Structure formats: structure tokens, C-alpha cells
Amino acid sequence: MYPSHDFADAIAGAFGSALTYQAPVSRFLNSMSRDGVLPSRIFGQISPRFGTPVFAVLCVRRPPPALQLEH
């Protein structure tokens, strides 16, 4: 009925989907570093303020493939 609402819903859905993807994958990378699969010096860094794996979050944080536009 309202095309602008459909677009806003699609953007909100993509954003929510990206957030639910990011959290478990960054924690998974951190746990792999604790098991010795990945370098713990890099992936094992935990933020003292937030308690999150810093480098793992930065590695995972990127736009989802659906939002990457080709020119």
C-alpha cells in the first residue's frame, strides 16, 4: 500500500539481520582463539569496558552482501 514503508521495513530487516549475524560469529572467533585455532594475541582481545572481542567484531563488521551494490 505504501511503498516507502516497504523500503523502510526492508532496511530495518537488513539491519536487524546483520546484527544477529555479527554477535555470534565474533564470539565464535574469540572462542576459536582460546582453543588455539586462531591467534589468541589478536582474536583473544576482550574490551574491558564492554566485554566484547574487539578484533573479532571489527573483522565481522561489514555490510551484508545484500546491501553491496555494484556499479
C-alpha atoms as a PDB file:
ATOM      1  CA  MET A   1       0.000   0.000   0.000  1.00  0.00           C
ATOM      2  CA  TYR A   2       2.730   2.463   0.951  1.00  0.00           C
ATOM      3  CA  PRO A   3       5.940   1.788  -0.991  1.00  0.00           C
ATOM      4  CA  SER A   4       8.056   3.988   1.281  1.00  0.00           C
ATOM      5  CA  HIS A   5       7.088   1.853   4.284  1.00  0.00           C
ATOM      6  CA  ASP A   6       8.107  -1.293   2.408  1.00  0.00           C
ATOM      7  CA  PHE A   7      11.539   0.182   1.758  1.00  0.00           C
ATOM      8  CA  ALA A   8      11.937   1.218   5.404  1.00  0.00           C
ATOM      9  CA  ASP A   9      10.894  -2.266   6.509  1.00  0.00           C
ATOM     10  CA  ALA A  10      13.454  -3.821   4.172  1.00  0.00           C
ATOM     11  CA  ILE A  11      16.225  -1.591   5.521  1.00  0.00           C
ATOM     12  CA  ALA A  12      15.240  -2.303   9.139  1.00  0.00           C
ATOM     13  CA  GLY A  13      15.134  -6.028   8.401  1.00  0.00           C
ATOM     14  CA  ALA A  14      18.575  -5.979   6.807  1.00  0.00           C
ATOM     15  CA  PHE A  15      19.998  -4.034   9.737  1.00  0.00           C
ATOM     16  CA  GLY A  16      18.478  -6.429  12.275  1.00  0.00           C
ATOM     17  CA  SER A  17      19.708  -9.408  10.318  1.00  0.00           C
ATOM     18  CA  ALA A  18      23.228  -8.003  10.213  1.00  0.00           C
ATOM     19  CA  LEU A  19      23.231  -7.504  13.990  1.00  0.00           C
ATOM     20  CA  THR A  20      22.089 -11.046  14.685  1.00  0.00           C
ATOM     21  CA  TYR A  21      24.833 -12.329  12.387  1.00  0.00           C
ATOM     22  CA  GLN A  22      27.600 -10.249  13.909  1.00  0.00           C
ATOM     23  CA  ALA A  23      27.303 -11.131  17.592  1.00  0.00           C
ATOM     24  CA  PRO A  24      27.596 -14.936  17.481  1.00  0.00           C
ATOM     25  CA  VAL A  25      30.299 -15.012  14.789  1.00  0.00           C
ATOM     26  CA  SER A  26      32.584 -12.634  16.674  1.00  0.00           C
ATOM     27  CA  ARG A  27      32.168 -14.704  19.851  1.00  0.00           C
ATOM     28  CA  PHE A  28      32.866 -17.851  17.836  1.00  0.00           C
ATOM     29  CA  LEU A  29      36.122 -16.366  16.525  1.00  0.00           C
ATOM     30  CA  ASN A  30      37.075 -15.473  20.079  1.00  0.00           C
ATOM     31  CA  SER A  31      36.399 -18.984  21.347  1.00  0.00           C
ATOM     32  CA  MET A  32      38.454 -20.422  18.478  1.00  0.00           C
ATOM     33  CA  SER A  33      41.355 -18.249  19.615  1.00  0.00           C
ATOM     34  CA  ARG A  34      41.019 -19.632  23.151  1.00  0.00           C
ATOM     35  CA  ASP A  35      41.186 -23.171  21.721  1.00  0.00           C
ATOM     36  CA  GLY A  36      44.365 -22.323  19.814  1.00  0.00           C
ATOM     37  CA  VAL A  37      42.873 -22.487  16.311  1.00  0.00           C
ATOM     38  CA  LEU A  38      43.293 -18.742  15.695  1.00  0.00           C
ATOM     39  CA  PRO A  39      45.998 -16.458  17.091  1.00  0.00           C
ATOM     40  CA  SER A  40      44.905 -15.606  20.624  1.00  0.00           C
ATOM     41  CA  ARG A  41      47.050 -12.490  20.681  1.00  0.00           C
ATOM     42  CA  ILE A  42      44.818 -10.964  18.010  1.00  0.00           C
ATOM     43  CA  PHE A  43      41.399 -12.580  18.351  1.00  0.00           C
ATOM     44  CA  GLY A  44      41.582 -13.036  22.120  1.00  0.00           C
ATOM     45  CA  GLN A  45      41.489  -9.345  22.995  1.00  0.00           C
ATOM     46  CA  ILE A  46      38.456  -8.535  25.133  1.00  0.00           C
ATOM     47  CA  SER A  47      37.319  -4.956  25.666  1.00  0.00           C
ATOM     48  CA  PRO A  48      37.487  -4.149  29.383  1.00  0.00           C
ATOM     49  CA  ARG A  49      34.670  -1.654  29.005  1.00  0.00           C
ATOM     50  CA  PHE A  50      32.149  -3.726  27.043  1.00  0.00           C
ATOM     51  CA  GLY A  51      33.409  -7.304  27.475  1.00  0.00           C
ATOM     52  CA  THR A  52      33.302  -7.994  23.738  1.00  0.00           C
ATOM     53  CA  PRO A  53      36.011  -9.414  21.473  1.00  0.00           C
ATOM     54  CA  VAL A  54      37.426  -6.263  19.892  1.00  0.00           C
ATOM     55  CA  PHE A  55      39.286  -7.508  16.809  1.00  0.00           C
ATOM     56  CA  ALA A  56      36.755 -10.238  16.063  1.00  0.00           C
ATOM     57  CA  VAL A  57      33.934  -7.671  15.997  1.00  0.00           C
ATOM     58  CA  LEU A  58      35.964  -5.474  13.649  1.00  0.00           C
ATOM     59  CA  CYS A  59      36.602  -8.436  11.336  1.00  0.00           C
ATOM     60  CA  VAL A  60      32.949  -9.425  11.219  1.00  0.00           C
ATOM     61  CA  ARG A  61      31.553  -5.900  10.977  1.00  0.00           C
ATOM     62  CA  ARG A  62      30.874  -5.232   7.319  1.00  0.00           C
ATOM     63  CA  PRO A  63      27.792  -4.561   5.207  1.00  0.00           C
ATOM     64  CA  PRO A  64      25.782  -7.677   4.428  1.00  0.00           C
ATOM     65  CA  PRO A  65      26.153  -8.925   0.828  1.00  0.00           C
ATOM     66  CA  ALA A  66      22.573  -7.921   0.032  1.00  0.00           C
ATOM     67  CA  LEU A  67      23.466  -4.246   0.601  1.00  0.00           C
ATOM     68  CA  GLN A  68      26.631  -4.237  -1.504  1.00  0.00           C
ATOM     69  CA  LEU A  69      25.771  -2.577  -4.752  1.00  0.00           C
ATOM     70  CA  GLU A  70      27.754  -2.959  -7.930  1.00  0.00           C
ATOM     71  CA  HIS A  71      28.299  -0.012 -10.218  1.00  0.00           C
END
